[in-house]
Amino acid sequence: MRTITTASFEAIARKPSLSQEVLSRLVEMLLSGELSPGQRLPPERGLAEMMGVSRPSLREGLRALTAFGVLESKQGHGTFLVRSLNRLPLEPYLLQLLLNTGKLHEFIELRQIIEPSVAALAARRAGEDGRAEITRRWRDYEKAVESGDREAENETGRQFHLSLARATGNQTIVQLMDSLNDLMRETGRVVLSQTAGASRKDHRGLYQAVMKRQPAEARRLMKRHLDEIDGRILASFDKEMSADGPAG
């Protein structure tokens, strides 16, 4: 019988998407020093031409790095590399996730698998401290929506979701949700760029279901909430693609 060795197996080539190539190139520039902390990136149109890609493909790569916390967009001033990259080497698996997906709606699919169960567990298990934190985070979110501050709404909404994870008492779930924090922030920005307060009704229903210890209802409402977010994100991508023309 012929012996099977590692040489018998050949890697299956898979051509990366343009957005993945953009993201990989930007990461290379960060690591090589071509980009420096705090540096402003060239305007989007010029950067797309320099890289020979469409603006939608470039935008997808930039969005992933923004979600990772490496880039930050300043309204009216452009996109900048953050001043400190100390956290970049600490989360290589998250960078790999961004390189492999490149699309926020795929991240939502991951959340659709995890968070409905998290909501159900929180409704079932939350103790006095957990319920107090959920209430506090819910009230912070309500105040942020009322204020009209979209950044505050995004942040407090994210903290409300994380409080549900902590209320489960499962530290592995808490660590997983915490590691996805930056991507959660970016999905919130995409949703709020379309409609401020878009998730208010969903969050209110989730809060009430958890407080009433209704696991099945909490699971259902979380799933509906994430389904709606996914729809808004896909609509946002479609809008960008139609505005900039076909990829190429």
Protein backbone atom coordinates (compact mmCIF):
# COMPACT_ATOMS: atom_id res chain seq x y z
CA MET A 1 0.00 0.00 0.00
CA ARG A 2 1.33 3.41 -0.94
CA THR A 3 2.30 5.56 2.04
CA ILE A 4 0.48 8.87 2.22
CA THR A 5 2.72 11.79 3.12
CA THR A 6 2.09 15.49 3.55
CA ALA A 7 3.50 15.95 0.04
CA SER A 8 0.52 14.00 -1.28
CA PHE A 9 -1.73 16.88 -0.39
CA GLU A 10 -1.68 20.14 -2.29
CA ALA A 11 -3.19 23.32 -1.03
CA ILE A 12 -6.42 24.27 -2.74
CA ALA A 13 -5.93 27.68 -4.22
CA ARG A 14 -8.70 30.16 -3.47
CA LYS A 15 -8.55 33.54 -5.09
CA PRO A 16 -9.17 36.27 -2.55
CA SER A 17 -11.74 38.94 -3.24
CA LEU A 18 -10.62 42.45 -4.15
CA SER A 19 -11.71 43.70 -0.74
CA GLN A 20 -9.58 41.03 0.96
CA GLU A 21 -6.61 42.05 -1.17
CA VAL A 22 -7.15 45.68 -0.17
CA LEU A 23 -7.27 44.74 3.48
CA SER A 24 -4.15 42.58 3.18
CA ARG A 25 -2.27 45.39 1.43
CA LEU A 26 -3.23 47.94 4.06
CA VAL A 27 -2.12 45.59 6.83
CA GLU A 28 1.22 45.11 5.05
CA MET A 29 1.66 48.89 4.90
CA LEU A 30 0.98 49.12 8.63
CA LEU A 31 3.48 46.41 9.52
CA SER A 32 6.17 47.67 7.12
CA GLY A 33 5.97 51.23 8.36
CA GLU A 34 4.65 52.71 5.10
CA LEU A 35 1.78 53.96 7.21
CA SER A 36 2.60 55.65 10.51
CA PRO A 37 0.46 56.06 13.64
CA GLY A 38 -1.86 59.03 13.32
CA GLN A 39 -1.26 59.37 9.57
CA ARG A 40 -4.12 60.42 7.30
CA LEU A 41 -4.92 58.15 4.36
CA PRO A 42 -5.18 59.60 0.86
CA PRO A 43 -8.74 60.45 -0.28
CA GLU A 44 -10.82 57.41 -1.13
CA ARG A 45 -10.90 58.03 -4.88
CA GLY A 46 -7.13 58.52 -5.12
CA LEU A 47 -6.40 55.52 -2.88
CA ALA A 48 -8.65 53.28 -5.01
CA GLU A 49 -6.83 54.41 -8.17
CA MET A 50 -3.42 53.82 -6.54
CA MET A 51 -4.43 50.27 -5.65
CA GLY A 52 -6.21 49.62 -8.94
CA VAL A 53 -9.49 48.59 -7.34
CA SER A 54 -13.05 49.89 -7.29
CA ARG A 55 -14.14 52.27 -4.57
CA PRO A 56 -16.67 49.74 -3.13
CA SER A 57 -13.86 47.16 -2.78
CA LEU A 58 -11.59 49.71 -1.14
CA ARG A 59 -14.40 50.84 1.15
CA GLU A 60 -15.01 47.27 2.31
CA GLY A 61 -11.34 46.86 3.27
CA LEU A 62 -11.32 50.20 5.07
CA ARG A 63 -14.51 49.29 6.90
CA ALA A 64 -12.94 46.08 8.18
CA LEU A 65 -9.88 47.94 9.51
CA THR A 66 -12.16 50.51 11.12
CA ALA A 67 -14.09 47.71 12.81
CA PHE A 68 -10.79 46.29 14.03
CA GLY A 69 -9.93 49.67 15.55
CA VAL A 70 -6.90 50.33 13.32
CA LEU A 71 -8.49 53.16 11.34
CA GLU A 72 -10.77 55.92 12.49
CA SER A 73 -12.93 58.20 10.38
CA LYS A 74 -13.20 61.86 11.36
CA GLN A 75 -16.18 63.63 9.86
CA GLY A 76 -15.00 66.27 7.40
CA HIS A 77 -11.32 65.47 7.91
CA GLY A 78 -10.77 62.03 6.39
CA THR A 79 -9.65 58.59 7.55
CA PHE A 80 -6.67 58.23 9.88
CA LEU A 81 -4.52 55.45 11.26
CA VAL A 82 -4.98 55.39 15.04
CA ARG A 83 -2.11 56.76 17.09
CA SER A 84 -1.46 53.52 18.96
CA LEU A 85 -1.33 50.04 17.44
CA ASN A 86 -0.46 48.30 20.70
CA ARG A 87 -3.57 46.15 20.56
CA LEU A 88 -3.05 44.96 16.97
CA PRO A 89 -0.72 42.01 17.77
CA LEU A 90 -2.88 40.99 20.72
CA GLU A 91 -5.86 39.83 18.65
CA PRO A 92 -4.50 38.10 15.50
CA TYR A 93 -7.49 35.75 15.34
CA LEU A 94 -9.81 38.75 15.02
CA LEU A 95 -7.68 40.12 12.19
CA GLN A 96 -7.91 36.72 10.52
CA LEU A 97 -11.68 36.83 10.90
CA LEU A 98 -11.74 40.18 9.13
CA LEU A 99 -9.46 38.95 6.35
CA ASN A 100 -11.62 35.88 5.77
CA THR A 101 -15.02 37.54 5.82
CA GLY A 102 -14.71 41.15 4.78
CA LYS A 103 -18.48 41.51 4.95
CA LEU A 104 -20.39 42.65 7.99
CA HIS A 105 -23.46 40.62 7.10
CA GLU A 106 -21.36 37.45 7.58
CA PHE A 107 -20.49 38.69 11.04
CA ILE A 108 -24.20 39.12 11.71
CA GLU A 109 -24.71 35.48 10.73
CA LEU A 110 -22.26 34.58 13.51
CA ARG A 111 -24.20 36.73 15.95
CA GLN A 112 -27.46 35.10 14.82
CA ILE A 113 -26.03 31.75 15.91
CA ILE A 114 -24.78 32.98 19.29
CA GLU A 115 -26.85 35.83 20.68
CA PRO A 116 -30.39 34.40 20.69
CA SER A 117 -29.08 31.70 23.06
CA VAL A 118 -27.26 34.34 25.08
CA ALA A 119 -30.50 36.29 25.51
CA ALA A 120 -32.36 33.15 26.56
CA LEU A 121 -29.66 32.23 29.09
CA ALA A 122 -29.65 35.77 30.49
CA ALA A 123 -33.42 35.62 31.00
CA ARG A 124 -33.08 32.28 32.78
CA ARG A 125 -29.92 32.82 34.83
CA ALA A 126 -29.46 36.53 35.55
CA GLY A 127 -28.96 37.14 39.25
CA GLU A 128 -29.56 40.31 41.19
CA ASP A 129 -26.29 41.96 40.08
CA GLY A 130 -26.77 40.90 36.47
CA ARG A 131 -30.32 42.23 36.34
CA ALA A 132 -29.17 45.50 37.91
CA GLU A 133 -26.47 45.92 35.25
CA ILE A 134 -28.90 45.10 32.42
CA THR A 135 -31.31 47.72 33.76
CA ARG A 136 -28.52 50.28 34.07
CA ARG A 137 -27.31 49.62 30.53
CA TRP A 138 -30.87 49.78 29.21
CA ARG A 139 -31.47 53.17 30.85
CA ASP A 140 -28.17 54.50 29.45
CA TYR A 141 -29.26 53.37 25.99
CA GLU A 142 -32.67 55.05 26.32
CA LYS A 143 -31.02 58.33 27.35
CA ALA A 144 -28.63 58.14 24.40
CA VAL A 145 -31.48 57.60 21.93
CA GLU A 146 -33.39 60.53 23.43
CA SER A 147 -30.31 62.76 23.14
CA GLY A 148 -29.93 62.09 19.41
CA ASP A 149 -26.22 61.32 19.85
CA ARG A 150 -25.65 58.44 17.43
CA GLU A 151 -22.21 57.54 18.75
CA ALA A 152 -23.59 57.37 22.28
CA GLU A 153 -26.54 55.32 21.03
CA ASN A 154 -24.16 52.87 19.34
CA GLU A 155 -21.94 52.55 22.42
CA THR A 156 -24.75 52.13 24.95
CA GLY A 157 -26.58 49.65 22.70
CA ARG A 158 -23.43 47.58 22.46
CA GLN A 159 -22.98 47.69 26.23
CA PHE A 160 -26.57 46.51 26.66
CA HIS A 161 -25.79 43.43 24.54
CA LEU A 162 -22.62 42.77 26.52
CA SER A 163 -24.54 43.03 29.80
CA LEU A 164 -26.76 40.17 28.61
CA ALA A 165 -23.65 38.06 27.98
CA ARG A 166 -22.29 38.81 31.45
CA ALA A 167 -25.64 37.95 33.02
CA THR A 168 -25.36 34.37 31.70
CA GLY A 169 -22.54 33.69 34.15
CA ASN A 170 -20.66 31.88 31.36
CA GLN A 171 -17.17 33.40 31.13
CA THR A 172 -16.43 31.79 27.78
CA ILE A 173 -19.45 33.55 26.29
CA VAL A 174 -18.36 36.82 27.89
CA GLN A 175 -14.86 36.54 26.43
CA LEU A 176 -16.20 35.66 22.99
CA MET A 177 -18.60 38.60 22.94
CA ASP A 178 -15.92 40.93 24.24
CA SER A 179 -13.54 39.83 21.46
CA LEU A 180 -16.19 40.77 18.89
CA ASN A 181 -16.67 44.20 20.40
CA ASP A 182 -15.12 46.22 17.57
CA LEU A 183 -17.16 44.47 14.91
CA MET A 184 -20.31 45.09 16.95
CA ARG A 185 -19.40 48.77 17.05
CA GLU A 186 -19.04 48.91 13.26
CA THR A 187 -22.34 47.16 12.56
CA GLY A 188 -24.00 49.68 14.86
CA ARG A 189 -22.49 52.55 12.89
CA VAL A 190 -23.78 51.13 9.61
CA VAL A 191 -27.30 50.75 11.00
CA LEU A 192 -27.34 54.19 12.64
CA SER A 193 -26.05 55.82 9.44
CA GLN A 194 -29.45 54.95 7.99
CA THR A 195 -31.86 55.45 10.90
CA ALA A 196 -31.16 56.76 14.38
CA GLY A 197 -33.04 54.84 17.06
CA ALA A 198 -33.58 51.94 14.64
CA SER A 199 -33.14 49.30 17.35
CA ARG A 200 -34.99 51.03 20.18
CA LYS A 201 -38.15 48.92 19.95
CA ASP A 202 -36.12 45.69 19.70
CA HIS A 203 -34.00 46.56 22.72
CA ARG A 204 -37.07 47.49 24.78
CA GLY A 205 -38.67 44.14 24.02
CA LEU A 206 -35.47 42.27 24.86
CA TYR A 207 -35.11 44.12 28.15
CA GLN A 208 -38.67 43.36 29.16
CA ALA A 209 -38.40 39.67 28.22
CA VAL A 210 -35.21 39.24 30.24
CA MET A 211 -36.63 41.07 33.25
CA LYS A 212 -39.78 38.91 33.12
CA ARG A 213 -37.62 35.77 32.86
CA GLN A 214 -39.05 34.72 29.50
CA PRO A 215 -36.21 32.79 27.78
CA ALA A 216 -38.18 31.76 24.68
CA GLU A 217 -39.40 35.30 24.07
CA ALA A 218 -35.91 36.74 24.64
CA ARG A 219 -34.51 34.26 22.10
CA ARG A 220 -37.20 35.14 19.54
CA LEU A 221 -36.76 38.89 19.94
CA MET A 222 -32.97 38.71 19.68
CA LYS A 223 -33.22 36.68 16.48
CA ARG A 224 -35.69 39.17 15.00
CA HIS A 225 -33.44 42.07 16.03
CA LEU A 226 -30.38 40.56 14.33
CA ASP A 227 -32.37 39.63 11.22
CA GLU A 228 -33.39 43.28 10.87
CA ILE A 229 -29.79 44.46 11.37
CA ASP A 230 -28.62 42.06 8.67
CA GLY A 231 -31.23 43.45 6.30
CA ARG A 232 -30.12 47.03 6.94
CA ILE A 233 -26.46 46.15 6.40
CA LEU A 234 -27.16 44.37 3.11
CA ALA A 235 -29.27 47.35 2.02
CA SER A 236 -26.37 49.66 2.88
CA PHE A 237 -23.93 47.60 0.79
CA ASP A 238 -26.37 47.52 -2.14
CA LYS A 239 -26.75 51.30 -1.97
CA GLU A 240 -22.99 51.84 -2.01
CA MET A 241 -22.50 49.44 -4.92
CA SER A 242 -25.20 51.13 -7.03
CA ALA A 243 -23.78 54.58 -6.25
CA ASP A 244 -20.21 53.70 -7.28
CA GLY A 245 -20.95 51.36 -10.17
CA PRO A 246 -19.91 47.74 -10.66
CA ALA A 247 -16.78 46.42 -8.99
CA GLY A 248 -13.70 46.08 -11.14
